[in-house]
Amino acid sequence: MTTGLYRVALAVTLAGWLASGCGPRVPEAPTVRVGESRRLMGVPWTITVHAASQRAGSAAIAAAFAEVERLERVLSDYDPASELSRLSAAAPTPAPVAVGADLWRVLVTAEAVREKTAGAFDIAIGPLTSLWRQARRSGRLPRADKLAAARAAGGSGTVELLPETQSVRLPKPATRLDPGGIGMGYAADRAAEVLAARGIDSALIDASGDVLVTAAPPGTDGWRIVVAPLKPGGLGATIVLTDAAVTTSGDAYQAVEIDGGRYSHIVDPRTGLGVTGPTTVTVIAPDATTADALATAASVLGHAAGPEVVAAFPGCSARFAWREADTDRVLTTPGWPGKPQPP
């Protein structure tokens, strides 16, 4: 899956929990902290839980990893046998194609985010991401005619959803679906459901930058997370979260300079080119699917148009960081932990 290529990793501090300091607590049942890592969807995943025993924690984590592996077989755009790849390969579909529950949920959310972000997020961006990867390797911008053709393969009307039959129609022949800005978040949400079903109340899932947390670890106010900085080696903002997801998008670790311009690996569906930087955007949302997609869209929109769009998503907030006239600037939207920061 391409998803791991589209995220700047968050540094997650799993030690030194913040104590609440708010009066006596009701004694909690003793738990042990269990953490395990595995490479899934092309990137490292780490799941940390507080469980009744080491055995229970390891079993729950194994079940969550198995769910992610299952979803990779559904959502991968690298595996030609995945459900998503087979749907893309069928374009233009002569008739609607029935899809499974997971692919359906991803496409429904993707289309909703595309509409609410005026096309800044588009799951049908596959031809553009392929073209931009070639440009990054060659060090040359794509030709205008190729950009126009790739842009025409996406946009409004590219993915037609038929709820009555849970089916999808792709009317354009060159359409290719790329779940890079949403699939990882969706898998994290489903993994959290598996953990909950196994009695895990407190968990952290870190999918190489798509981070989801549930209830606070015992004796703490929440999970302590350090947001990735604007540039490598810089200081990131520290936030404490419970029952939320946080994702950072940006070019701190993946960027290319072409003809004097710095371009991110994150592609703007409206231009077909990488977002210009340096810039990072971190989004907090109630679920990882939304955080993943909205962080991508907010990166495309930037600090000027992005905050208004983020505000249209209930329970979401964002932190924008960018370079302006050799000065690092930060803007946070209402709802971001701590005092809002103007640019």
C-alpha atoms as a PDB file:
ATOM      1  CA  MET A   1       0.000   0.000   0.000  1.00  0.00           C
ATOM      2  CA  THR A   2       1.160   3.526  -0.631  1.00  0.00           C
ATOM      3  CA  THR A   3      -0.218   4.821   2.622  1.00  0.00           C
ATOM      4  CA  GLY A   4       3.040   4.834   4.561  1.00  0.00           C
ATOM      5  CA  LEU A   5       4.641   7.079   1.961  1.00  0.00           C
ATOM      6  CA  TYR A   6       2.123   9.779   2.658  1.00  0.00           C
ATOM      7  CA  ARG A   7       2.736  10.488   6.298  1.00  0.00           C
ATOM      8  CA  VAL A   8       5.277  12.255   8.442  1.00  0.00           C
ATOM      9  CA  ALA A   9       5.853  10.126  11.541  1.00  0.00           C
ATOM     10  CA  LEU A  10       4.748  11.402  14.925  1.00  0.00           C
ATOM     11  CA  ALA A  11       7.115  10.890  17.813  1.00  0.00           C
ATOM     12  CA  VAL A  12       5.035   9.094  20.427  1.00  0.00           C
ATOM     13  CA  THR A  13       6.203   9.224  24.018  1.00  0.00           C
ATOM     14  CA  LEU A  14       5.024   6.077  25.758  1.00  0.00           C
ATOM     15  CA  ALA A  15       6.736   6.765  29.068  1.00  0.00           C
ATOM     16  CA  GLY A  16       6.347   9.477  31.663  1.00  0.00           C
ATOM     17  CA  TRP A  17       2.552   9.641  31.748  1.00  0.00           C
ATOM     18  CA  LEU A  18       1.054  12.858  33.091  1.00  0.00           C
ATOM     19  CA  ALA A  19      -0.594  12.458  36.479  1.00  0.00           C
ATOM     20  CA  SER A  20      -3.932  14.147  36.906  1.00  0.00           C
ATOM     21  CA  GLY A  21      -3.435  15.579  40.401  1.00  0.00           C
ATOM     22  CA  CYS A  22      -7.184  15.837  40.800  1.00  0.00           C
ATOM     23  CA  GLY A  23      -8.136  14.325  44.155  1.00  0.00           C
ATOM     24  CA  PRO A  24      -8.263  10.645  45.172  1.00  0.00           C
ATOM     25  CA  ARG A  25      -8.819   8.046  42.471  1.00  0.00           C
ATOM     26  CA  VAL A  26     -10.944   4.932  42.655  1.00  0.00           C
ATOM     27  CA  PRO A  27      -8.496   2.010  42.819  1.00  0.00           C
ATOM     28  CA  GLU A  28      -8.050   0.410  39.416  1.00  0.00           C
ATOM     29  CA  ALA A  29      -7.518  -3.252  38.644  1.00  0.00           C
ATOM     30  CA  PRO A  30      -3.806  -3.892  38.086  1.00  0.00           C
ATOM     31  CA  THR A  31      -2.728  -4.040  34.469  1.00  0.00           C
ATOM     32  CA  VAL A  32       0.464  -4.599  32.526  1.00  0.00           C
ATOM     33  CA  ARG A  33       1.635  -2.582  29.567  1.00  0.00           C
ATOM     34  CA  VAL A  34       2.252  -4.634  26.439  1.00  0.00           C
ATOM     35  CA  GLY A  35       3.698  -3.226  23.234  1.00  0.00           C
ATOM     36  CA  GLU A  36       4.530  -4.961  19.981  1.00  0.00           C
ATOM     37  CA  SER A  37       5.552  -3.844  16.484  1.00  0.00           C
ATOM     38  CA  ARG A  38       5.066  -5.284  13.030  1.00  0.00           C
ATOM     39  CA  ARG A  39       5.538  -4.103   9.463  1.00  0.00           C
ATOM     40  CA  LEU A  40       2.142  -3.811   7.773  1.00  0.00           C
ATOM     41  CA  MET A  41       0.890  -1.899   4.738  1.00  0.00           C
ATOM     42  CA  GLY A  42       4.527  -1.214   3.883  1.00  0.00           C
ATOM     43  CA  VAL A  43       5.366   0.627   7.122  1.00  0.00           C
ATOM     44  CA  PRO A  44       6.051  -0.144  10.817  1.00  0.00           C
ATOM     45  CA  TRP A  45       3.040  -0.376  13.120  1.00  0.00           C
ATOM     46  CA  THR A  46       3.249  -0.307  16.918  1.00  0.00           C
ATOM     47  CA  ILE A  47       0.386  -1.199  19.226  1.00  0.00           C
ATOM     48  CA  THR A  48       0.610  -0.583  22.959  1.00  0.00           C
ATOM     49  CA  VAL A  49      -2.103  -1.748  25.358  1.00  0.00           C
ATOM     50  CA  HIS A  50      -2.808  -1.979  29.058  1.00  0.00           C
ATOM     51  CA  ALA A  51      -4.177  -5.460  29.701  1.00  0.00           C
ATOM     52  CA  ALA A  52      -4.980  -7.794  32.564  1.00  0.00           C
ATOM     53  CA  SER A  53      -1.936  -9.906  31.696  1.00  0.00           C
ATOM     54  CA  GLN A  54       0.945 -10.156  29.242  1.00  0.00           C
ATOM     55  CA  ARG A  55      -0.784 -13.057  27.550  1.00  0.00           C
ATOM     56  CA  ALA A  56      -4.086 -11.208  27.173  1.00  0.00           C
ATOM     57  CA  GLY A  57      -2.333  -8.134  25.825  1.00  0.00           C
ATOM     58  CA  SER A  58      -0.285 -10.071  23.285  1.00  0.00           C
ATOM     59  CA  ALA A  59      -3.349 -11.986  22.101  1.00  0.00           C
ATOM     60  CA  ALA A  60      -5.321  -8.783  21.629  1.00  0.00           C
ATOM     61  CA  ILE A  61      -2.470  -7.142  19.713  1.00  0.00           C
ATOM     62  CA  ALA A  62      -2.091 -10.206  17.486  1.00  0.00           C
ATOM     63  CA  ALA A  63      -5.788 -10.064  16.653  1.00  0.00           C
ATOM     64  CA  ALA A  64      -5.530  -6.351  15.833  1.00  0.00           C
ATOM     65  CA  PHE A  65      -2.527  -6.952  13.563  1.00  0.00           C
ATOM     66  CA  ALA A  66      -4.452  -9.749  11.830  1.00  0.00           C
ATOM     67  CA  GLU A  67      -7.260  -7.298  11.103  1.00  0.00           C
ATOM     68  CA  VAL A  68      -4.812  -4.852   9.528  1.00  0.00           C
ATOM     69  CA  GLU A  69      -3.383  -7.660   7.385  1.00  0.00           C
ATOM     70  CA  ARG A  70      -6.899  -8.538   6.248  1.00  0.00           C
ATOM     71  CA  LEU A  71      -7.622  -4.932   5.331  1.00  0.00           C
ATOM     72  CA  GLU A  72      -4.397  -4.667   3.363  1.00  0.00           C
ATOM     73  CA  ARG A  73      -5.733  -7.426   1.109  1.00  0.00           C
ATOM     74  CA  VAL A  74      -8.845  -5.288   0.606  1.00  0.00           C
ATOM     75  CA  LEU A  75      -7.388  -1.793   0.237  1.00  0.00           C
ATOM     76  CA  SER A  76      -3.903  -2.161  -1.252  1.00  0.00           C
ATOM     77  CA  ASP A  77      -3.272  -0.399  -4.545  1.00  0.00           C
ATOM     78  CA  TYR A  78       0.024  -2.286  -4.898  1.00  0.00           C
ATOM     79  CA  ASP A  79      -1.540  -5.757  -4.823  1.00  0.00           C
ATOM     80  CA  PRO A  80      -3.376  -6.364  -8.134  1.00  0.00           C
ATOM     81  CA  ALA A  81      -5.498  -9.004  -6.410  1.00  0.00           C
ATOM     82  CA  SER A  82      -6.905  -6.630  -3.750  1.00  0.00           C
ATOM     83  CA  GLU A  83     -10.529  -5.608  -3.962  1.00  0.00           C
ATOM     84  CA  LEU A  84      -9.611  -1.965  -4.517  1.00  0.00           C
ATOM     85  CA  SER A  85      -7.132  -2.794  -7.296  1.00  0.00           C
ATOM     86  CA  ARG A  86      -9.630  -5.028  -9.066  1.00  0.00           C
ATOM     87  CA  LEU A  87     -12.219  -2.261  -8.937  1.00  0.00           C
ATOM     88  CA  SER A  88      -9.735   0.233 -10.399  1.00  0.00           C
ATOM     89  CA  ALA A  89      -8.732  -2.191 -13.133  1.00  0.00           C
ATOM     90  CA  ALA A  90     -12.380  -2.546 -14.190  1.00  0.00           C
ATOM     91  CA  ALA A  91     -12.721   1.179 -15.018  1.00  0.00           C
ATOM     92  CA  PRO A  92     -14.738   2.195 -16.894  1.00  0.00           C
ATOM     93  CA  THR A  93     -17.237  -0.173 -15.311  1.00  0.00           C
ATOM     94  CA  PRO A  94     -20.046  -1.058 -17.737  1.00  0.00           C
ATOM     95  CA  ALA A  95     -22.310  -1.612 -14.731  1.00  0.00           C
ATOM     96  CA  PRO A  96     -22.102  -0.863 -11.006  1.00  0.00           C
ATOM     97  CA  VAL A  97     -19.770  -3.188  -9.109  1.00  0.00           C
ATOM     98  CA  ALA A  98     -20.852  -4.515  -5.712  1.00  0.00           C
ATOM     99  CA  VAL A  99     -18.137  -4.028  -3.067  1.00  0.00           C
ATOM    100  CA  GLY A 100     -17.533  -5.313   0.434  1.00  0.00           C
ATOM    101  CA  ALA A 101     -18.331  -3.430   3.613  1.00  0.00           C
ATOM    102  CA  ASP A 102     -14.800  -2.150   4.236  1.00  0.00           C
ATOM    103  CA  LEU A 103     -14.161  -0.782   0.755  1.00  0.00           C
ATOM    104  CA  TRP A 104     -17.646   0.734   0.768  1.00  0.00           C
ATOM    105  CA  ARG A 105     -17.037   2.588   4.050  1.00  0.00           C
ATOM    106  CA  VAL A 106     -13.694   3.918   2.808  1.00  0.00           C
ATOM    107  CA  LEU A 107     -15.197   5.158  -0.468  1.00  0.00           C
ATOM    108  CA  VAL A 108     -18.182   6.777   1.260  1.00  0.00           C
ATOM    109  CA  THR A 109     -15.911   8.650   3.668  1.00  0.00           C
ATOM    110  CA  ALA A 110     -13.496   9.581   0.879  1.00  0.00           C
ATOM    111  CA  GLU A 111     -16.268  11.075  -1.240  1.00  0.00           C
ATOM    112  CA  ALA A 112     -17.674  12.993   1.734  1.00  0.00           C
ATOM    113  CA  VAL A 113     -14.244  14.478   2.481  1.00  0.00           C
ATOM    114  CA  ARG A 114     -13.688  15.316  -1.207  1.00  0.00           C
ATOM    115  CA  GLU A 115     -16.955  17.275  -1.285  1.00  0.00           C
ATOM    116  CA  LYS A 116     -16.324  19.111   1.996  1.00  0.00           C
ATOM    117  CA  THR A 117     -12.767  20.050   0.988  1.00  0.00           C
ATOM    118  CA  ALA A 118     -13.640  21.222  -2.534  1.00  0.00           C
ATOM    119  CA  GLY A 119     -11.526  18.497  -4.082  1.00  0.00           C
ATOM    120  CA  ALA A 120      -8.413  18.971  -1.946  1.00  0.00           C
ATOM    121  CA  PHE A 121      -8.774  15.286  -1.074  1.00  0.00           C
ATOM    122  CA  ASP A 122      -9.540  12.805  -3.843  1.00  0.00           C
ATOM    123  CA  ILE A 123      -9.200   9.027  -3.597  1.00  0.00           C
ATOM    124  CA  ALA A 124      -9.229   8.886  -7.412  1.00  0.00           C
ATOM    125  CA  ILE A 125      -5.820  10.545  -7.515  1.00  0.00           C
ATOM    126  CA  GLY A 126      -3.985   7.405  -8.643  1.00  0.00           C
ATOM    127  CA  PRO A 127      -2.922   8.665 -12.121  1.00  0.00           C
ATOM    128  CA  LEU A 128      -1.573  11.884 -10.590  1.00  0.00           C
ATOM    129  CA  THR A 129       0.408  10.151  -7.842  1.00  0.00           C
ATOM    130  CA  SER A 130       1.968   7.842 -10.429  1.00  0.00           C
ATOM    131  CA  LEU A 131       2.908  10.813 -12.597  1.00  0.00           C
ATOM    132  CA  TRP A 132       4.355  12.731  -9.645  1.00  0.00           C
ATOM    133  CA  ARG A 133       6.450   9.739  -8.526  1.00  0.00           C
ATOM    134  CA  GLN A 134       7.998   9.695 -11.999  1.00  0.00           C
ATOM    135  CA  ALA A 135       8.695  13.429 -11.725  1.00  0.00           C
ATOM    136  CA  ARG A 136      10.420  13.004  -8.358  1.00  0.00           C
ATOM    137  CA  ARG A 137      12.642  10.254  -9.764  1.00  0.00           C
ATOM    138  CA  SER A 138      13.532  12.168 -12.926  1.00  0.00           C
ATOM    139  CA  GLY A 139      13.878  15.609 -11.340  1.00  0.00           C
ATOM    140  CA  ARG A 140      11.633  17.107 -14.025  1.00  0.00           C
ATOM    141  CA  LEU A 141       8.086  18.441 -13.733  1.00  0.00           C
ATOM    142  CA  PRO A 142       5.410  16.464 -15.613  1.00  0.00           C
ATOM    143  CA  ARG A 143       4.460  17.668 -19.064  1.00  0.00           C
ATOM    144  CA  ALA A 144       1.344  19.839 -19.160  1.00  0.00           C
ATOM    145  CA  ASP A 145      -0.553  17.440 -21.434  1.00  0.00           C
ATOM    146  CA  LYS A 146       0.125  14.481 -19.140  1.00  0.00           C
ATOM    147  CA  LEU A 147      -0.952  16.489 -16.106  1.00  0.00           C
ATOM    148  CA  ALA A 148      -4.188  17.466 -17.806  1.00  0.00           C
ATOM    149  CA  ALA A 149      -4.965  13.858 -18.722  1.00  0.00           C
ATOM    150  CA  ALA A 150      -4.230  12.624 -15.203  1.00  0.00           C
ATOM    151  CA  ARG A 151      -6.355  15.363 -13.623  1.00  0.00           C
ATOM    152  CA  ALA A 152      -9.241  14.470 -15.930  1.00  0.00           C
ATOM    153  CA  ALA A 153      -9.224  10.925 -14.539  1.00  0.00           C
ATOM    154  CA  GLY A 154     -10.236  12.203 -11.086  1.00  0.00           C
ATOM    155  CA  GLY A 155     -12.415  14.869  -9.575  1.00  0.00           C
ATOM    156  CA  SER A 156     -16.167  15.195  -9.188  1.00  0.00           C
ATOM    157  CA  GLY A 157     -18.208  12.396 -10.724  1.00  0.00           C
ATOM    158  CA  THR A 158     -15.296   9.973 -10.867  1.00  0.00           C
ATOM    159  CA  VAL A 159     -16.651   7.649  -8.176  1.00  0.00           C
ATOM    160  CA  GLU A 160     -20.411   7.062  -8.264  1.00  0.00           C
ATOM    161  CA  LEU A 161     -21.819   5.403  -5.128  1.00  0.00           C
ATOM    162  CA  LEU A 162     -25.114   3.499  -5.147  1.00  0.00           C
ATOM    163  CA  PRO A 163     -26.166   2.923  -1.514  1.00  0.00           C
ATOM    164  CA  GLU A 164     -29.189   0.788  -2.412  1.00  0.00           C
ATOM    165  CA  THR A 165     -26.941  -1.983  -3.714  1.00  0.00           C
ATOM    166  CA  GLN A 166     -23.669  -1.043  -1.967  1.00  0.00           C
ATOM    167  CA  SER A 167     -22.092  -0.805  -5.389  1.00  0.00           C
ATOM    168  CA  VAL A 168     -19.740   1.547  -7.207  1.00  0.00           C
ATOM    169  CA  ARG A 169     -19.516   2.822 -10.754  1.00  0.00           C
ATOM    170  CA  LEU A 170     -16.326   4.255 -12.240  1.00  0.00           C
ATOM    171  CA  PRO A 171     -17.365   5.964 -15.490  1.00  0.00           C
ATOM    172  CA  LYS A 172     -13.912   7.240 -16.555  1.00  0.00           C
ATOM    173  CA  PRO A 173     -11.524   4.789 -18.254  1.00  0.00           C
ATOM    174  CA  ALA A 174      -8.295   6.045 -16.669  1.00  0.00           C
ATOM    175  CA  THR A 175      -9.543   6.195 -13.072  1.00  0.00           C
ATOM    176  CA  ARG A 176      -7.271   4.589 -10.504  1.00  0.00           C
ATOM    177  CA  LEU A 177      -8.024   4.658  -6.780  1.00  0.00           C
ATOM    178  CA  ASP A 178      -5.228   5.521  -4.328  1.00  0.00           C
ATOM    179  CA  PRO A 179      -6.084   4.966  -0.639  1.00  0.00           C
ATOM    180  CA  GLY A 180      -2.821   6.541   0.542  1.00  0.00           C
ATOM    181  CA  GLY A 181      -4.557   9.345   2.409  1.00  0.00           C
ATOM    182  CA  ILE A 182      -7.260   7.307   4.113  1.00  0.00           C
ATOM    183  CA  GLY A 183      -6.583   3.553   4.168  1.00  0.00           C
ATOM    184  CA  MET A 184      -4.101   3.588   7.030  1.00  0.00           C
ATOM    185  CA  GLY A 185      -6.478   5.549   9.232  1.00  0.00           C
ATOM    186  CA  TYR A 186      -9.358   3.221   8.433  1.00  0.00           C
ATOM    187  CA  ALA A 187      -7.242   0.188   9.336  1.00  0.00           C
ATOM    188  CA  ALA A 188      -6.285   1.810  12.653  1.00  0.00           C
ATOM    189  CA  ASP A 189      -9.958   2.368  13.484  1.00  0.00           C
ATOM    190  CA  ARG A 190     -10.815  -1.251  12.759  1.00  0.00           C
ATOM    191  CA  ALA A 191      -7.823  -2.465  14.786  1.00  0.00           C
ATOM    192  CA  ALA A 192      -9.067  -0.406  17.744  1.00  0.00           C
ATOM    193  CA  GLU A 193     -12.453  -2.110  17.461  1.00  0.00           C
ATOM    194  CA  VAL A 194     -10.751  -5.501  17.662  1.00  0.00           C
ATOM    195  CA  LEU A 195      -8.868  -4.448  20.795  1.00  0.00           C
ATOM    196  CA  ALA A 196     -12.060  -3.180  22.417  1.00  0.00           C
ATOM    197  CA  ALA A 197     -13.852  -6.436  21.645  1.00  0.00           C
ATOM    198  CA  ARG A 198     -11.092  -8.239  23.541  1.00  0.00           C
ATOM    199  CA  GLY A 199     -11.558  -6.078  26.619  1.00  0.00           C
ATOM    200  CA  ILE A 200      -8.753  -3.597  26.046  1.00  0.00           C
ATOM    201  CA  ASP A 201      -9.850  -0.200  27.348  1.00  0.00           C
ATOM    202  CA  SER A 202      -6.550   1.674  27.057  1.00  0.00           C
ATOM    203  CA  ALA A 203      -4.575   1.403  23.822  1.00  0.00           C
ATOM    204  CA  LEU A 204      -2.360   3.331  21.430  1.00  0.00           C
ATOM    205  CA  ILE A 205      -2.043   2.409  17.768  1.00  0.00           C
ATOM    206  CA  ASP A 206       0.777   4.102  15.861  1.00  0.00           C
ATOM    207  CA  ALA A 207       0.641   3.373  12.143  1.00  0.00           C
ATOM    208  CA  SER A 208       3.805   5.296  11.261  1.00  0.00           C
ATOM    209  CA  GLY A 209       2.208   8.639  11.975  1.00  0.00           C
ATOM    210  CA  ASP A 210      -1.487   7.829  11.971  1.00  0.00           C
ATOM    211  CA  VAL A 211      -1.988   7.588  15.735  1.00  0.00           C
ATOM    212  CA  LEU A 212      -5.158   6.489  17.517  1.00  0.00           C
ATOM    213  CA  VAL A 213      -5.603   6.361  21.289  1.00  0.00           C
ATOM    214  CA  THR A 214      -8.419   5.154  23.507  1.00  0.00           C
ATOM    215  CA  ALA A 215      -8.807   5.616  27.284  1.00  0.00           C
ATOM    216  CA  ALA A 216      -5.936   7.026  29.340  1.00  0.00           C
ATOM    217  CA  PRO A 217      -3.369   4.600  30.762  1.00  0.00           C
ATOM    218  CA  PRO A 218      -3.939   3.841  34.455  1.00  0.00           C
ATOM    219  CA  GLY A 219      -3.059   6.741  36.735  1.00  0.00           C
ATOM    220  CA  THR A 220      -2.708   9.302  33.943  1.00  0.00           C
ATOM    221  CA  ASP A 221      -4.624  12.026  32.160  1.00  0.00           C
ATOM    222  CA  GLY A 222      -3.947  10.570  28.731  1.00  0.00           C
ATOM    223  CA  TRP A 223      -1.452   9.486  26.127  1.00  0.00           C
ATOM    224  CA  ARG A 224       1.443  11.907  25.699  1.00  0.00           C
ATOM    225  CA  ILE A 225       2.214  12.546  22.017  1.00  0.00           C
ATOM    226  CA  VAL A 226       4.911  14.731  20.505  1.00  0.00           C
ATOM    227  CA  VAL A 227       3.842  16.115  17.117  1.00  0.00           C
ATOM    228  CA  ALA A 228       6.486  15.982  14.390  1.00  0.00           C
ATOM    229  CA  PRO A 229       8.300  19.325  13.872  1.00  0.00           C
ATOM    230  CA  LEU A 230       8.401  21.428  10.718  1.00  0.00           C
ATOM    231  CA  LYS A 231      11.937  20.263   9.956  1.00  0.00           C
ATOM    232  CA  PRO A 232      14.068  17.312  11.115  1.00  0.00           C
ATOM    233  CA  GLY A 233      15.740  18.005  14.423  1.00  0.00           C
ATOM    234  CA  GLY A 234      13.251  20.679  15.425  1.00  0.00           C
ATOM    235  CA  LEU A 235      11.044  20.698  18.499  1.00  0.00           C
ATOM    236  CA  GLY A 236       7.541  19.320  18.145  1.00  0.00           C
ATOM    237  CA  ALA A 237       4.460  20.301  20.118  1.00  0.00           C
ATOM    238  CA  THR A 238       3.413  17.972  22.942  1.00  0.00           C
ATOM    239  CA  ILE A 239      -0.254  17.087  23.330  1.00  0.00           C
ATOM    240  CA  VAL A 240      -2.133  14.747  25.666  1.00  0.00           C
ATOM    241  CA  LEU A 241      -5.079  12.848  24.196  1.00  0.00           C
ATOM    242  CA  THR A 242      -7.703  10.256  25.002  1.00  0.00           C
ATOM    243  CA  ASP A 243     -10.263   8.665  22.688  1.00  0.00           C
ATOM    244  CA  ALA A 244      -9.030  10.513  19.615  1.00  0.00           C
ATOM    245  CA  ALA A 245      -6.815  10.217  16.555  1.00  0.00           C
ATOM    246  CA  VAL A 246      -4.004  12.468  15.356  1.00  0.00           C
ATOM    247  CA  THR A 247      -2.227  12.534  11.991  1.00  0.00           C
ATOM    248  CA  THR A 248       0.538  14.747  10.633  1.00  0.00           C
ATOM    249  CA  SER A 249       1.123  15.429   6.938  1.00  0.00           C
ATOM    250  CA  GLY A 250       4.038  17.388   5.594  1.00  0.00           C
ATOM    251  CA  ASP A 251       7.300  17.477   3.699  1.00  0.00           C
ATOM    252  CA  ALA A 252       9.836  17.463   6.538  1.00  0.00           C
ATOM    253  CA  TYR A 253      11.114  14.033   5.545  1.00  0.00           C
ATOM    254  CA  GLN A 254       9.895  13.595   1.968  1.00  0.00           C
ATOM    255  CA  ALA A 255      10.444  16.436  -0.471  1.00  0.00           C
ATOM    256  CA  VAL A 256      12.169  17.097  -3.784  1.00  0.00           C
ATOM    257  CA  GLU A 257      13.589  20.257  -5.338  1.00  0.00           C
ATOM    258  CA  ILE A 258      12.816  20.774  -9.028  1.00  0.00           C
ATOM    259  CA  ASP A 259      13.660  23.931 -10.971  1.00  0.00           C
ATOM    260  CA  GLY A 260      14.331  25.803  -7.741  1.00  0.00           C
ATOM    261  CA  GLY A 261      11.032  24.854  -6.093  1.00  0.00           C
ATOM    262  CA  ARG A 262      10.553  22.530  -3.099  1.00  0.00           C
ATOM    263  CA  TYR A 263       7.717  20.042  -3.571  1.00  0.00           C
ATOM    264  CA  SER A 264       6.166  17.595  -1.120  1.00  0.00           C
ATOM    265  CA  HIS A 265       5.272  13.965  -1.832  1.00  0.00           C
ATOM    266  CA  ILE A 266       1.669  15.014  -1.071  1.00  0.00           C
ATOM    267  CA  VAL A 267      -0.036  15.715  -4.392  1.00  0.00           C
ATOM    268  CA  ASP A 268      -2.572  18.502  -4.897  1.00  0.00           C
ATOM    269  CA  PRO A 269      -5.410  16.885  -6.915  1.00  0.00           C
ATOM    270  CA  ARG A 270      -6.241  20.262  -8.426  1.00  0.00           C
ATOM    271  CA  THR A 271      -2.774  20.845  -9.946  1.00  0.00           C
ATOM    272  CA  GLY A 272      -1.229  17.397 -10.080  1.00  0.00           C
ATOM    273  CA  LEU A 273       1.938  18.721  -8.429  1.00  0.00           C
ATOM    274  CA  GLY A 274       3.371  18.205  -4.978  1.00  0.00           C
ATOM    275  CA  VAL A 275       2.414  20.716  -2.307  1.00  0.00           C
ATOM    276  CA  THR A 276       5.054  23.444  -1.994  1.00  0.00           C
ATOM    277  CA  GLY A 277       6.785  23.774   1.347  1.00  0.00           C
ATOM    278  CA  PRO A 278       8.204  23.525   3.861  1.00  0.00           C
ATOM    279  CA  THR A 279       4.953  22.900   5.715  1.00  0.00           C
ATOM    280  CA  THR A 280       3.320  20.447   8.098  1.00  0.00           C
ATOM    281  CA  VAL A 281      -0.265  20.037   9.247  1.00  0.00           C
ATOM    282  CA  THR A 282      -1.401  17.978  12.233  1.00  0.00           C
ATOM    283  CA  VAL A 283      -5.094  17.105  12.587  1.00  0.00           C
ATOM    284  CA  ILE A 284      -6.881  15.785  15.666  1.00  0.00           C
ATOM    285  CA  ALA A 285     -10.182  14.025  14.965  1.00  0.00           C
ATOM    286  CA  PRO A 286     -12.598  11.653  16.703  1.00  0.00           C
ATOM    287  CA  ASP A 287     -11.451   8.781  14.466  1.00  0.00           C
ATOM    288  CA  ALA A 288      -8.335   7.902  12.486  1.00  0.00           C
ATOM    289  CA  THR A 289     -10.113   7.644   9.136  1.00  0.00           C
ATOM    290  CA  THR A 290     -11.138  11.297   9.319  1.00  0.00           C
ATOM    291  CA  ALA A 291      -7.794  12.429  10.745  1.00  0.00           C
ATOM    292  CA  ASP A 292      -5.926  10.704   7.913  1.00  0.00           C
ATOM    293  CA  ALA A 293      -8.006  12.158   5.073  1.00  0.00           C
ATOM    294  CA  LEU A 294      -8.415  15.617   6.604  1.00  0.00           C
ATOM    295  CA  ALA A 295      -4.669  15.976   7.271  1.00  0.00           C
ATOM    296  CA  THR A 296      -4.010  15.314   3.583  1.00  0.00           C
ATOM    297  CA  ALA A 297      -6.633  17.838   2.514  1.00  0.00           C
ATOM    298  CA  ALA A 298      -5.419  20.444   5.002  1.00  0.00           C
ATOM    299  CA  SER A 299      -1.870  20.062   3.674  1.00  0.00           C
ATOM    300  CA  VAL A 300      -3.132  20.796   0.192  1.00  0.00           C
ATOM    301  CA  LEU A 301      -5.210  23.775   1.325  1.00  0.00           C
ATOM    302  CA  GLY A 302      -2.512  25.281   3.528  1.00  0.00           C
ATOM    303  CA  HIS A 303      -2.784  27.671   6.462  1.00  0.00           C
ATOM    304  CA  ALA A 304      -4.856  30.216   4.514  1.00  0.00           C
ATOM    305  CA  ALA A 305      -7.827  28.051   3.454  1.00  0.00           C
ATOM    306  CA  GLY A 306      -7.293  24.998   5.647  1.00  0.00           C
ATOM    307  CA  PRO A 307      -8.582  26.229   9.018  1.00  0.00           C
ATOM    308  CA  GLU A 308     -12.053  27.025   7.686  1.00  0.00           C
ATOM    309  CA  VAL A 309     -12.346  23.571   6.137  1.00  0.00           C
ATOM    310  CA  VAL A 310     -11.139  21.844   9.316  1.00  0.00           C
ATOM    311  CA  ALA A 311     -13.820  23.721  11.263  1.00  0.00           C
ATOM    312  CA  ALA A 312     -16.487  22.112   9.049  1.00  0.00           C
ATOM    313  CA  PHE A 313     -15.638  18.685  10.507  1.00  0.00           C
ATOM    314  CA  PRO A 314     -17.193  18.187  13.985  1.00  0.00           C
ATOM    315  CA  GLY A 315     -14.716  17.473  16.744  1.00  0.00           C
ATOM    316  CA  CYS A 316     -11.665  18.236  14.601  1.00  0.00           C
ATOM    317  CA  SER A 317      -8.849  20.727  15.116  1.00  0.00           C
ATOM    318  CA  ALA A 318      -5.504  21.350  13.454  1.00  0.00           C
ATOM    319  CA  ARG A 319      -2.043  22.822  13.859  1.00  0.00           C
ATOM    320  CA  PHE A 320      -0.463  24.410  10.775  1.00  0.00           C
ATOM    321  CA  ALA A 321       3.295  25.065  10.664  1.00  0.00           C
ATOM    322  CA  TRP A 322       5.099  26.666   7.737  1.00  0.00           C
ATOM    323  CA  ARG A 323       8.091  28.768   6.756  1.00  0.00           C
ATOM    324  CA  GLU A 324       7.525  32.393   5.765  1.00  0.00           C
ATOM    325  CA  ALA A 325      10.312  34.873   5.038  1.00  0.00           C
ATOM    326  CA  ASP A 326      12.841  32.661   6.847  1.00  0.00           C
ATOM    327  CA  THR A 327      10.571  32.544   9.909  1.00  0.00           C
ATOM    328  CA  ASP A 328       8.805  29.441  11.225  1.00  0.00           C
ATOM    329  CA  ARG A 329       5.144  30.176  11.893  1.00  0.00           C
ATOM    330  CA  VAL A 330       2.402  28.212  13.655  1.00  0.00           C
ATOM    331  CA  LEU A 331      -1.381  28.542  13.601  1.00  0.00           C
ATOM    332  CA  THR A 332      -3.777  26.396  15.630  1.00  0.00           C
ATOM    333  CA  THR A 333      -7.521  26.200  15.131  1.00  0.00           C
ATOM    334  CA  PRO A 334     -10.208  26.296  17.843  1.00  0.00           C
ATOM    335  CA  GLY A 335     -10.304  23.050  19.780  1.00  0.00           C
ATOM    336  CA  TRP A 336      -6.575  22.402  19.566  1.00  0.00           C
ATOM    337  CA  PRO A 337      -5.180  21.486  23.024  1.00  0.00           C
ATOM    338  CA  GLY A 338      -3.933  24.603  24.801  1.00  0.00           C
ATOM    339  CA  LYS A 339      -4.293  28.229  23.827  1.00  0.00           C
ATOM    340  CA  PRO A 340      -4.999  28.884  20.109  1.00  0.00           C
ATOM    341  CA  GLN A 341      -1.954  30.232  18.266  1.00  0.00           C
ATOM    342  CA  PRO A 342      -2.341  32.881  15.555  1.00  0.00           C
ATOM    343  CA  PRO A 343       0.244  33.078  12.754  1.00  0.00           C
END
